[in-house]
Protein backbone atom coordinates (compact mmCIF):
# COMPACT_ATOMS: atom_id res chain seq x y z
CA MET A 1 -31.20 51.55 1.17
CA GLU A 2 -34.55 52.85 2.37
CA ASN A 3 -33.52 56.51 1.93
CA LEU A 4 -32.52 55.87 -1.70
CA ARG A 5 -36.07 55.07 -2.73
CA PRO A 6 -38.00 57.72 -4.61
CA GLU A 7 -41.07 59.42 -3.21
CA GLU A 8 -44.23 57.45 -4.06
CA GLY A 9 -46.21 59.25 -6.78
CA GLY A 10 -43.23 61.54 -7.40
CA ILE A 11 -42.30 62.70 -10.87
CA TYR A 12 -38.75 61.91 -11.99
CA HIS A 13 -36.83 62.18 -15.20
CA SER A 14 -33.97 60.15 -16.57
CA LEU A 15 -30.80 61.76 -17.83
CA SER A 16 -32.14 61.19 -21.35
CA GLY A 17 -35.08 63.47 -20.47
CA THR A 18 -37.90 60.91 -20.31
CA VAL A 19 -40.43 61.73 -17.57
CA TYR A 20 -41.70 59.01 -15.21
CA ARG A 21 -44.04 58.68 -12.22
CA TYR A 22 -42.86 56.41 -9.42
CA LEU A 23 -45.47 53.76 -8.55
CA GLY A 24 -43.78 51.63 -5.92
CA MET A 25 -41.31 48.88 -5.13
CA ALA A 26 -41.32 45.23 -6.20
CA ARG A 27 -38.96 42.31 -5.64
CA HIS A 28 -37.50 40.06 -8.29
CA CYS A 29 -39.08 36.62 -7.83
CA GLN A 30 -35.79 34.70 -8.15
CA THR A 31 -33.10 37.01 -6.76
CA GLY A 32 -35.12 39.04 -4.26
CA GLU A 33 -33.50 42.23 -5.60
CA GLU A 34 -35.53 45.39 -5.04
CA LEU A 35 -36.95 46.89 -8.22
CA LEU A 36 -38.43 50.36 -8.46
CA ILE A 37 -41.51 50.57 -10.69
CA PHE A 38 -42.02 53.67 -12.83
CA GLN A 39 -44.62 54.56 -15.42
CA GLU A 40 -43.49 56.60 -18.40
CA LYS A 41 -45.72 59.68 -18.56
CA GLU A 42 -46.02 59.83 -22.35
CA THR A 43 -46.52 56.16 -23.28
CA GLN A 44 -47.80 54.80 -19.92
CA ILE A 45 -45.31 51.91 -20.26
CA LEU A 46 -44.14 50.45 -16.95
CA GLN A 47 -40.42 50.21 -16.26
CA ALA A 48 -38.62 48.35 -13.47
CA VAL A 49 -35.17 49.58 -12.43
CA THR A 50 -32.74 48.63 -9.70
CA VAL A 51 -31.92 51.03 -6.88
CA PRO A 52 -28.31 51.56 -8.10
CA TYR A 53 -29.58 52.35 -11.60
CA PHE A 54 -32.14 54.77 -10.17
CA THR A 55 -29.52 56.66 -8.16
CA LYS A 56 -27.30 57.01 -11.25
CA GLU A 57 -29.83 57.75 -13.99
CA PHE A 58 -32.84 59.50 -12.42
CA GLN A 59 -33.49 62.79 -10.68
CA LYS A 60 -36.57 64.35 -9.23
CA ALA A 61 -38.37 66.68 -11.63
CA GLY A 62 -37.68 70.29 -10.81
CA GLU A 63 -34.17 69.63 -9.50
CA ASP A 64 -31.23 71.41 -11.09
CA PRO A 65 -30.35 69.38 -14.22
CA GLU A 66 -26.68 70.40 -13.90
CA GLN A 67 -26.53 68.78 -10.47
CA GLY A 68 -28.04 65.57 -11.80
CA LEU A 69 -25.60 65.51 -14.68
CA LEU A 70 -22.63 66.10 -12.37
CA TYR A 71 -23.87 63.46 -9.94
CA ALA A 72 -24.15 60.91 -12.75
CA PHE A 73 -20.70 61.80 -14.08
CA LEU A 74 -19.02 61.59 -10.68
CA ASN A 75 -20.70 58.26 -9.93
CA ALA A 76 -19.88 56.63 -13.27
CA ASP A 77 -18.02 53.36 -12.75
CA SER A 78 -15.42 53.84 -15.47
CA ASN A 79 -13.85 56.42 -17.74
CA GLU A 80 -15.68 54.78 -20.64
CA GLU A 81 -19.00 55.51 -18.93
CA LYS A 82 -17.86 59.07 -18.20
CA LEU A 83 -16.96 59.60 -21.85
CA ILE A 84 -20.33 58.27 -23.03
CA LEU A 85 -22.15 60.46 -20.50
CA LEU A 86 -20.15 63.49 -21.60
CA GLN A 87 -20.91 62.83 -25.28
CA GLN A 88 -24.62 62.08 -24.75
CA ASN A 89 -25.13 65.30 -22.80
CA ARG A 90 -23.01 67.68 -24.83
CA SER A 91 -25.81 70.21 -25.25
CA GLU A 92 -26.31 70.41 -21.46
CA MET A 93 -22.60 70.88 -20.72
CA THR A 94 -22.28 74.45 -19.49
CA GLU A 95 -18.94 76.07 -18.73
CA ALA A 96 -19.52 75.52 -15.00
CA VAL A 97 -20.26 71.81 -15.50
CA LEU A 98 -17.22 71.38 -17.73
CA GLU A 99 -14.98 73.06 -15.15
CA THR A 100 -16.27 70.77 -12.40
CA VAL A 101 -15.81 67.71 -14.61
CA ALA A 102 -12.23 68.80 -15.32
CA GLN A 103 -11.55 69.20 -11.60
CA SER A 104 -12.90 65.72 -10.90
CA LEU A 105 -10.43 64.35 -13.48
CA ASP A 106 -7.50 66.41 -12.09
CA TYR A 107 -7.31 68.11 -15.46
CA THR A 108 -6.62 71.79 -16.08
CA LEU A 109 -8.59 73.44 -18.86
CA ASP A 110 -6.68 76.04 -20.89
CA SER A 111 -9.69 77.60 -22.58
CA SER A 112 -12.86 79.40 -21.54
CA ASP A 113 -14.61 78.45 -24.79
CA PRO A 114 -17.17 75.70 -23.94
CA ASP A 115 -16.64 73.90 -27.27
CA ARG A 116 -12.86 73.79 -26.78
CA MET A 117 -13.34 72.76 -23.12
CA PHE A 118 -15.59 69.89 -24.21
CA LEU A 119 -13.09 68.67 -26.82
CA ASP A 120 -10.22 68.88 -24.30
CA LEU A 121 -12.16 66.84 -21.74
CA GLU A 122 -13.15 64.30 -24.36
CA GLN A 123 -9.48 63.88 -25.31
CA CYS A 124 -8.47 63.64 -21.64
CA LEU A 125 -10.92 60.78 -21.08
CA ARG A 126 -9.81 59.01 -24.27
CA THR A 127 -6.21 59.19 -23.07
CA LYS A 128 -7.13 57.84 -19.63
CA ILE A 129 -9.03 54.97 -21.25
CA LYS A 130 -6.11 54.17 -23.58
CA TYR A 131 -3.53 53.99 -20.82
CA GLU A 132 -5.76 52.19 -18.32
CA ARG A 133 -6.25 49.38 -20.84
CA ARG A 134 -2.50 48.97 -21.23
CA ARG A 135 -2.07 48.40 -17.49
CA ILE A 136 -4.61 45.59 -17.34
């Protein structure tokens, strides 16, 4: 777990675009769970996040945003989370990202138009969600 911690003093941003500075690690007083402490650059508000949340939702400033988006999509726990992530980041979904997302879902895109690709992937995820619920 040590290698998953951010670099002290490093600048990171969440998938929503908010910029944070990493201050250090703390432990929850009751559970002992490690919490990573960040300070939002704009408001100076402190935030505490778990290591799993950090690895899903944050990336180091200056890194390729497409890679961070793909990493978050591929590590989403459910198709519902993948659909939400896809919808929340529609403006960042390039053709290359959409093609990689389709490959991860074992889905073949029939169009090279990014808007059509997005709608096809959205429908693919909705179908997966619908039929996964029926099996439960």
